[in-house]
Protein backbone atom coordinates (compact mmCIF):
# COMPACT_ATOMS: atom_id res chain seq x y z
CA MET A 1 -10.44 -142.97 7.57
CA ARG A 2 -8.40 -142.77 4.40
CA THR A 3 -10.00 -139.47 3.43
CA GLU A 4 -9.29 -138.04 6.88
CA SER A 5 -5.69 -139.21 6.67
CA GLN A 6 -5.25 -137.61 3.26
CA ALA A 7 -6.76 -134.36 4.54
CA SER A 8 -4.41 -134.46 7.56
CA TRP A 9 -1.36 -134.92 5.34
CA GLY A 10 -2.60 -132.14 3.06
CA LEU A 11 -2.95 -129.74 5.98
CA LYS A 12 0.49 -130.66 7.27
CA ALA A 13 2.02 -130.11 3.83
CA ALA A 14 0.28 -126.73 3.56
CA ALA A 15 1.51 -125.73 7.01
CA TRP A 16 5.11 -126.67 6.20
CA GLY A 17 4.80 -124.86 2.88
CA VAL A 18 3.82 -121.66 4.69
CA VAL A 19 6.68 -122.10 7.18
CA ALA A 20 9.14 -122.55 4.29
CA PHE A 21 7.73 -119.51 2.48
CA LEU A 22 8.28 -117.36 5.58
CA HIS A 23 11.64 -118.68 6.76
CA VAL A 24 13.65 -119.67 3.69
CA PRO A 25 14.48 -115.98 2.98
CA LEU A 26 15.67 -115.63 6.57
CA ALA A 27 17.83 -118.71 6.16
CA LEU A 28 19.38 -117.20 3.02
CA ILE A 29 20.22 -114.01 4.94
CA VAL A 30 22.04 -116.09 7.54
CA LEU A 31 23.85 -118.02 4.80
CA TYR A 32 25.03 -114.90 2.95
CA ALA A 33 26.28 -113.38 6.20
CA PHE A 34 29.05 -115.99 5.94
CA SER A 35 29.67 -115.50 2.20
CA ALA A 36 33.21 -114.68 1.15
CA GLU A 37 31.87 -112.76 -1.88
CA ASP A 38 31.29 -109.11 -1.01
CA LYS A 39 29.63 -107.75 -4.17
CA THR A 40 27.16 -110.21 -5.70
CA TYR A 41 24.85 -112.91 -4.47
CA VAL A 42 25.86 -116.28 -5.88
CA PHE A 43 24.09 -119.43 -4.80
CA PRO A 44 25.61 -121.38 -3.32
CA PRO A 45 28.28 -118.99 -2.01
CA PRO A 46 31.69 -119.86 -3.48
CA ALA A 47 33.25 -119.87 -0.01
CA LEU A 48 32.26 -119.25 3.60
CA THR A 49 33.97 -116.99 6.11
CA THR A 50 33.34 -115.31 9.44
CA GLN A 51 35.39 -112.20 8.62
CA TRP A 52 32.31 -110.02 8.11
CA PHE A 53 31.29 -110.44 11.73
CA GLY A 54 34.59 -108.86 12.72
CA VAL A 55 34.13 -106.08 10.16
CA ALA A 56 30.63 -105.33 11.47
CA TRP A 57 31.90 -105.39 15.06
CA GLY A 58 34.51 -102.75 14.27
CA ARG A 59 32.22 -100.28 12.49
CA ASP A 60 31.20 -97.34 14.69
CA ASP A 61 28.17 -96.50 12.53
CA VAL A 62 26.71 -99.93 13.25
CA TRP A 63 27.08 -99.50 17.00
CA GLN A 64 25.61 -96.01 16.90
CA ALA A 65 22.58 -97.26 14.97
CA ILE A 66 22.10 -100.19 17.38
CA SER A 67 22.38 -97.88 20.40
CA LEU A 68 19.83 -95.43 18.97
CA SER A 69 17.39 -98.24 18.14
CA PHE A 70 17.68 -99.61 21.67
CA GLN A 71 17.01 -96.21 23.21
CA VAL A 72 14.03 -95.53 20.94
CA ALA A 73 12.56 -98.98 21.60
CA ALA A 74 13.04 -98.64 25.36
CA TRP A 75 11.35 -95.24 25.57
CA SER A 76 8.55 -96.25 23.21
CA THR A 77 7.88 -99.37 25.24
CA ALA A 78 7.85 -97.42 28.52
CA ILE A 79 5.35 -94.89 27.15
CA ALA A 80 3.23 -97.68 25.69
CA LEU A 81 3.16 -99.53 29.02
CA VAL A 82 1.80 -96.49 30.86
CA LEU A 83 -0.70 -95.33 28.25
CA GLY A 84 -1.79 -98.80 27.15
CA THR A 85 -2.41 -99.99 30.72
CA LEU A 86 -4.35 -96.85 31.64
CA ALA A 87 -6.49 -97.12 28.52
CA ALA A 88 -7.15 -100.80 29.18
CA ALA A 89 -8.15 -100.08 32.78
CA ALA A 90 -10.58 -97.40 31.61
CA LEU A 91 -12.21 -99.55 28.91
CA ALA A 92 -12.06 -103.10 30.26
CA ARG A 93 -15.04 -103.01 32.62
CA SER A 94 -16.56 -99.55 32.33
CA ARG A 95 -19.56 -99.09 30.07
CA PHE A 96 -20.22 -95.65 28.64
CA PHE A 97 -21.31 -94.02 25.43
CA GLY A 98 -18.55 -94.11 22.81
CA ARG A 99 -16.52 -96.89 24.42
CA ASP A 100 -16.43 -98.98 21.23
CA ALA A 101 -15.41 -95.95 19.17
CA ILE A 102 -12.54 -95.22 21.57
CA SER A 103 -11.41 -98.86 21.40
CA LEU A 104 -11.42 -98.68 17.61
CA LEU A 105 -9.38 -95.47 17.62
CA LEU A 106 -6.83 -97.06 19.97
CA ILE A 107 -6.37 -100.08 17.71
CA LEU A 108 -6.42 -98.10 14.44
CA PRO A 109 -2.71 -97.05 14.35
CA ILE A 110 -1.48 -100.64 14.06
CA ALA A 111 -4.15 -101.51 11.48
CA LEU A 112 -3.24 -98.60 9.19
CA PRO A 113 -0.37 -98.97 6.72
CA GLY A 114 2.85 -97.62 8.17
CA VAL A 115 3.21 -95.10 5.37
CA VAL A 116 -0.16 -93.55 6.30
CA THR A 117 0.85 -93.26 9.94
CA GLY A 118 4.22 -91.82 8.96
CA ILE A 119 2.73 -89.17 6.66
CA ALA A 120 0.14 -88.22 9.29
CA LEU A 121 2.82 -87.80 11.97
CA ARG A 122 5.07 -85.83 9.65
CA SER A 123 2.20 -83.50 8.76
CA ALA A 124 1.35 -83.05 12.44
CA TYR A 125 4.96 -82.23 13.32
CA GLY A 126 5.12 -79.74 10.47
CA THR A 127 1.85 -78.07 11.45
CA LEU A 128 2.96 -77.75 15.09
CA GLU A 129 6.46 -76.70 13.98
CA ILE A 130 8.08 -79.48 15.98
CA PRO A 131 11.64 -80.14 14.78
CA PHE A 132 12.55 -83.73 13.99
CA SER A 133 14.56 -85.33 16.77
CA PHE A 134 14.98 -88.43 18.87
CA TRP A 135 11.63 -87.75 20.55
CA THR A 136 9.68 -87.47 17.31
CA ILE A 137 10.80 -91.02 16.53
CA VAL A 138 9.79 -92.17 20.00
CA VAL A 139 6.32 -90.65 19.70
CA GLY A 140 5.89 -92.23 16.28
CA HIS A 141 6.81 -95.68 17.58
CA ALA A 142 4.67 -95.28 20.69
CA THR A 143 1.55 -94.85 18.52
CA PHE A 144 1.60 -98.51 17.52
CA CYS A 145 3.34 -99.89 20.61
CA VAL A 146 0.43 -98.67 22.75
CA VAL A 147 -1.88 -100.94 20.75
CA VAL A 148 0.12 -104.06 21.60
CA VAL A 149 0.16 -103.31 25.33
CA PHE A 150 -3.51 -102.28 25.29
CA ASN A 151 -4.64 -105.50 23.62
CA ASN A 152 -2.77 -107.67 26.12
CA ALA A 153 -3.89 -105.69 29.16
CA VAL A 154 -7.55 -105.35 28.19
CA ALA A 155 -7.85 -109.07 27.42
CA ARG A 156 -6.42 -109.94 30.84
CA LEU A 157 -8.58 -107.41 32.69
CA ARG A 158 -11.73 -108.74 31.07
CA ARG A 159 -10.83 -112.23 32.32
CA LEU A 160 -10.06 -110.99 35.82
CA ASN A 161 -12.64 -112.16 38.33
CA PRO A 162 -14.34 -109.02 39.74
CA ASN A 163 -14.99 -110.89 42.99
CA LEU A 164 -11.26 -110.63 43.77
CA ILE A 165 -11.42 -106.85 43.68
CA GLU A 166 -14.64 -106.75 45.70
CA ALA A 167 -13.19 -109.13 48.31
CA SER A 168 -10.07 -106.97 48.59
CA MET A 169 -12.13 -103.85 49.18
CA ASP A 170 -14.42 -105.65 51.64
CA LEU A 171 -11.38 -106.70 53.65
CA GLY A 172 -10.33 -103.08 54.07
CA ALA A 173 -7.81 -102.61 51.29
CA ASP A 174 -7.79 -99.19 49.66
CA GLY A 175 -7.52 -98.61 45.90
CA PHE A 176 -3.73 -98.53 45.85
CA GLN A 177 -3.41 -101.73 47.89
CA THR A 178 -5.91 -103.50 45.63
CA LEU A 179 -3.99 -102.34 42.58
CA ARG A 180 -0.66 -103.46 44.04
CA HIS A 181 -1.64 -106.82 45.51
CA ILE A 182 -4.54 -107.96 43.31
CA ILE A 183 -4.63 -106.28 39.90
CA LEU A 184 -0.93 -105.87 39.03
CA PRO A 185 0.02 -109.49 39.89
CA GLN A 186 -2.78 -110.65 37.59
CA LEU A 187 -1.63 -108.25 34.87
CA GLY A 188 2.08 -108.92 35.25
CA SER A 189 2.66 -111.54 32.55
CA ALA A 190 0.29 -109.81 30.11
CA LEU A 191 2.12 -106.51 30.50
CA LEU A 192 5.49 -108.20 30.17
CA ALA A 193 4.38 -109.98 26.99
CA GLY A 194 3.02 -106.72 25.59
CA ALA A 195 6.23 -104.89 26.46
CA LEU A 196 8.39 -107.53 24.77
CA LEU A 197 6.31 -107.42 21.60
CA ALA A 198 6.28 -103.62 21.61
CA PHE A 199 10.06 -103.51 22.02
CA ALA A 200 10.55 -105.93 19.13
CA LEU A 201 8.19 -103.95 16.87
CA SER A 202 9.89 -100.67 17.68
CA PHE A 203 13.41 -102.00 17.34
CA ASP A 204 13.04 -103.04 13.70
CA GLU A 205 10.48 -100.45 12.51
CA VAL A 206 11.52 -98.60 9.36
CA ILE A 207 8.53 -96.98 7.61
CA VAL A 208 7.29 -94.70 10.40
CA THR A 209 10.91 -93.95 11.34
CA THR A 210 11.63 -92.74 7.81
CA PHE A 211 8.95 -90.06 8.14
CA THR A 212 9.69 -89.01 11.73
CA ALA A 213 13.50 -89.03 11.90
CA GLY A 214 15.70 -86.06 11.17
CA GLN A 215 19.43 -86.74 11.00
CA GLN A 216 19.10 -89.73 13.33
CA THR A 217 19.82 -93.16 11.88
CA THR A 218 18.27 -96.15 13.58
CA LEU A 219 19.46 -99.64 12.73
CA PRO A 220 16.72 -100.42 10.16
CA ILE A 221 17.34 -97.04 8.47
CA TRP A 222 21.06 -97.79 8.39
CA MET A 223 20.37 -101.14 6.73
CA LEU A 224 18.11 -99.51 4.14
CA GLN A 225 20.81 -96.98 3.29
CA GLU A 226 23.40 -99.74 2.97
CA LEU A 227 21.16 -101.67 0.55
CA ILE A 228 20.60 -98.56 -1.58
CA ARG A 229 24.32 -97.75 -1.67
CA PRO A 230 25.96 -101.15 -1.07
CA ARG A 231 29.53 -101.14 0.10
CA GLN A 232 29.92 -104.42 1.95
CA ARG A 233 26.76 -106.43 1.49
CA PRO A 234 27.74 -109.27 3.83
CA VAL A 235 28.06 -106.71 6.65
CA THR A 236 24.42 -105.76 6.09
CA ASN A 237 23.52 -109.44 6.26
CA VAL A 238 25.47 -109.82 9.50
CA VAL A 239 23.54 -106.93 11.03
CA ALA A 240 20.29 -108.49 9.76
CA VAL A 241 21.20 -111.71 11.55
CA VAL A 242 21.76 -109.69 14.74
CA ILE A 243 18.32 -108.10 14.37
CA ILE A 244 16.74 -111.51 13.82
CA ALA A 245 18.37 -112.81 16.99
CA LEU A 246 17.50 -109.73 19.06
CA THR A 247 13.84 -109.66 17.99
CA PHE A 248 13.40 -113.44 18.14
CA VAL A 249 14.13 -113.60 21.86
CA PRO A 250 11.44 -111.13 23.07
CA ILE A 251 8.87 -112.54 20.62
CA LEU A 252 9.55 -116.08 21.85
CA LEU A 253 9.30 -114.97 25.48
CA ALA A 254 6.05 -113.12 24.78
CA TYR A 255 4.66 -116.20 23.04
CA ARG A 256 5.54 -118.44 25.96
CA LEU A 257 4.03 -116.01 28.46
CA THR A 258 0.76 -115.75 26.57
CA ARG A 259 0.63 -119.52 26.04
CA ALA A 260 1.24 -120.13 29.74
CA ASP A 261 -1.73 -117.93 30.63
CA GLU A 262 -4.18 -119.69 28.32
CA PRO A 263 -6.62 -122.02 30.02
CA THR A 264 -5.86 -125.69 29.50
CA GLN A 265 -8.39 -127.38 27.24
CA ARG A 266 -9.54 -130.84 28.17
């Protein structure tokens, strides 16, 4: 019993150590967003203030970057929902030669380093003579957002009882009615969770955006430029706090949705 208790405390300490390792830097960002010092990082901050929130609120470049990031994330998520759901429907229950290879190719973009994906997309745009624009960013983000939606949708479809579909067809429902009344309600929470995660990933993506953007400046790119040429460092921290808040909400909702759909273990 004593050995088990010691092991339990050791695991708890390790878990809290990992949590601290991941979240202490985030806590420091929040702290320095209130720092009265605008040039150097001194710990603890000599004084605290909320003036930088007002400064960030009044900067047009911040709002333009936030607006662009929202638009890119929205379009990328919409494309990912369509393509990811269609791919999941094609691969979930069908068995054909090359199915595993296609599944691997669908998952590959999110497994590859972002710099590899960015270089590949930039080379493709150059070869096809496609000018960099808003849509080149959207396509770049959609490549990894599709994976998130696909994984959620295919997992749910594989758990879907095929008898429900057969019963619907036996009762006279056509394909569209079965899709609307049987399949989509079962897929709803999985697609919503995938969309929330895809939106969060797209909103704060920086590496692929660097290779696929022209003159456009998304919010993460704006932050990177501010860190390279710092003018008001606390403003950058304020914007980072905003990103943390905006991405935390969809990730939390997606987590709750996926947890709610898990079978209860007894």
